[in-house]
N, C-alpha and C. Protein backbone atom coordinates (compact mmCIF):
# COMPACT_ATOMS: atom_id res chain seq x y z
N MET A 1 92.93 107.16 90.94
CA MET A 1 93.03 106.54 89.64
C MET A 1 92.63 105.07 89.72
N PHE A 2 93.10 104.37 90.74
CA PHE A 2 92.73 102.97 90.92
C PHE A 2 91.71 102.87 92.04
N THR A 3 90.63 102.20 91.78
CA THR A 3 89.57 102.10 92.78
C THR A 3 89.81 100.98 93.78
N ASP A 4 90.66 100.05 93.45
CA ASP A 4 90.92 98.91 94.33
C ASP A 4 92.40 98.87 94.69
N SER A 5 92.70 98.87 95.97
CA SER A 5 94.11 98.91 96.39
C SER A 5 94.84 97.63 95.98
N ARG A 6 94.14 96.50 95.97
CA ARG A 6 94.79 95.25 95.56
C ARG A 6 95.18 95.29 94.09
N LEU A 7 94.36 95.93 93.27
CA LEU A 7 94.67 96.09 91.86
C LEU A 7 95.92 96.95 91.69
N CYS A 8 96.02 98.02 92.44
CA CYS A 8 97.18 98.90 92.38
C CYS A 8 98.45 98.15 92.78
N VAL A 9 98.37 97.37 93.87
CA VAL A 9 99.52 96.60 94.31
C VAL A 9 99.93 95.58 93.25
N ALA A 10 98.96 94.94 92.62
CA ALA A 10 99.26 93.95 91.58
C ALA A 10 99.95 94.60 90.38
N ILE A 11 99.49 95.78 90.00
CA ILE A 11 100.10 96.48 88.86
C ILE A 11 101.53 96.88 89.18
N VAL A 12 101.75 97.45 90.35
CA VAL A 12 103.10 97.85 90.75
C VAL A 12 104.00 96.63 90.84
N ASP A 13 103.48 95.54 91.36
CA ASP A 13 104.25 94.31 91.46
C ASP A 13 104.69 93.83 90.07
N ARG A 14 103.78 93.86 89.12
CA ARG A 14 104.11 93.41 87.75
C ARG A 14 105.13 94.33 87.09
N LEU A 15 105.00 95.63 87.36
CA LEU A 15 105.91 96.59 86.72
C LEU A 15 107.32 96.52 87.30
N THR A 16 107.43 96.16 88.57
CA THR A 16 108.74 96.16 89.22
C THR A 16 109.37 94.78 89.33
N PHE A 17 108.69 93.75 88.91
CA PHE A 17 109.22 92.39 88.99
C PHE A 17 110.50 92.29 88.16
N ASN A 18 111.55 91.78 88.78
CA ASN A 18 112.87 91.64 88.14
C ASN A 18 113.47 92.98 87.73
N GLY A 19 113.00 94.05 88.31
CA GLY A 19 113.55 95.37 88.00
C GLY A 19 114.76 95.66 88.86
N ALA A 20 115.56 96.58 88.41
CA ALA A 20 116.74 97.00 89.16
C ALA A 20 116.51 98.42 89.66
N ILE A 21 116.76 98.64 90.94
CA ILE A 21 116.62 99.97 91.52
C ILE A 21 118.00 100.61 91.56
N THR A 22 118.11 101.78 90.96
CA THR A 22 119.37 102.49 90.93
C THR A 22 119.27 103.70 91.84
N GLN A 23 120.12 103.74 92.85
CA GLN A 23 120.14 104.88 93.74
C GLN A 23 121.14 105.90 93.22
N THR A 24 120.68 107.14 93.09
CA THR A 24 121.54 108.18 92.53
C THR A 24 122.22 109.00 93.61
N GLY A 25 121.76 108.86 94.85
CA GLY A 25 122.36 109.62 95.93
C GLY A 25 121.84 111.03 96.04
N THR A 26 120.84 111.37 95.26
CA THR A 26 120.27 112.71 95.33
C THR A 26 118.88 112.64 95.95
N ALA A 27 118.50 113.70 96.64
CA ALA A 27 117.18 113.76 97.24
C ALA A 27 116.20 114.35 96.23
N THR A 28 115.10 113.69 96.02
CA THR A 28 114.09 114.19 95.11
C THR A 28 113.18 115.16 95.83
N TYR A 29 112.41 115.91 95.08
CA TYR A 29 111.45 116.84 95.66
C TYR A 29 110.46 116.08 96.54
N LEU A 30 109.97 114.94 96.06
CA LEU A 30 108.99 114.17 96.82
C LEU A 30 109.56 113.71 98.15
N LEU A 31 110.80 113.24 98.15
CA LEU A 31 111.44 112.81 99.39
C LEU A 31 111.61 113.98 100.35
N ALA A 32 112.08 115.11 99.86
CA ALA A 32 112.29 116.29 100.71
C ALA A 32 110.96 116.78 101.27
N HIS A 33 109.92 116.78 100.46
CA HIS A 33 108.60 117.22 100.89
C HIS A 33 108.03 116.29 101.97
N THR A 34 108.18 115.00 101.79
CA THR A 34 107.68 114.02 102.76
C THR A 34 108.42 114.15 104.09
N LYS A 35 109.72 114.35 104.03
CA LYS A 35 110.51 114.52 105.27
C LYS A 35 110.09 115.80 105.99
N ALA A 36 109.87 116.87 105.24
CA ALA A 36 109.47 118.13 105.85
C ALA A 36 108.10 118.00 106.52
N GLN A 37 107.18 117.28 105.90
CA GLN A 37 105.87 117.06 106.50
C GLN A 37 105.98 116.26 107.78
N ALA A 38 106.83 115.24 107.79
CA ALA A 38 107.02 114.42 108.98
C ALA A 38 107.61 115.24 110.12
N GLU A 39 108.55 116.11 109.79
CA GLU A 39 109.16 116.96 110.82
C GLU A 39 108.16 117.96 111.39
N ARG A 40 107.28 118.50 110.53
CA ARG A 40 106.25 119.42 111.02
C ARG A 40 105.25 118.69 111.91
N ALA A 41 104.93 117.45 111.56
CA ALA A 41 103.99 116.67 112.35
C ALA A 41 104.59 116.34 113.73
N GLU A 42 105.87 116.09 113.78
CA GLU A 42 106.52 115.80 115.05
C GLU A 42 106.57 117.04 115.94
N ALA A 43 106.74 118.20 115.33
CA ALA A 43 106.83 119.44 116.08
C ALA A 43 105.47 119.87 116.66
N SER A 44 104.40 119.40 116.06
CA SER A 44 103.05 119.81 116.52
C SER A 44 102.62 119.07 117.75
């Protein structure tokens, strides 16, 4: 979607500036999927 990585970083920076991160204590699908991929990579 973004052709320039610096542009993407700047947009994320602007969107999250002074934002509050709320941790819900639940694992999301994306987090579970990323952990599973890392575990498979370690096993290989």
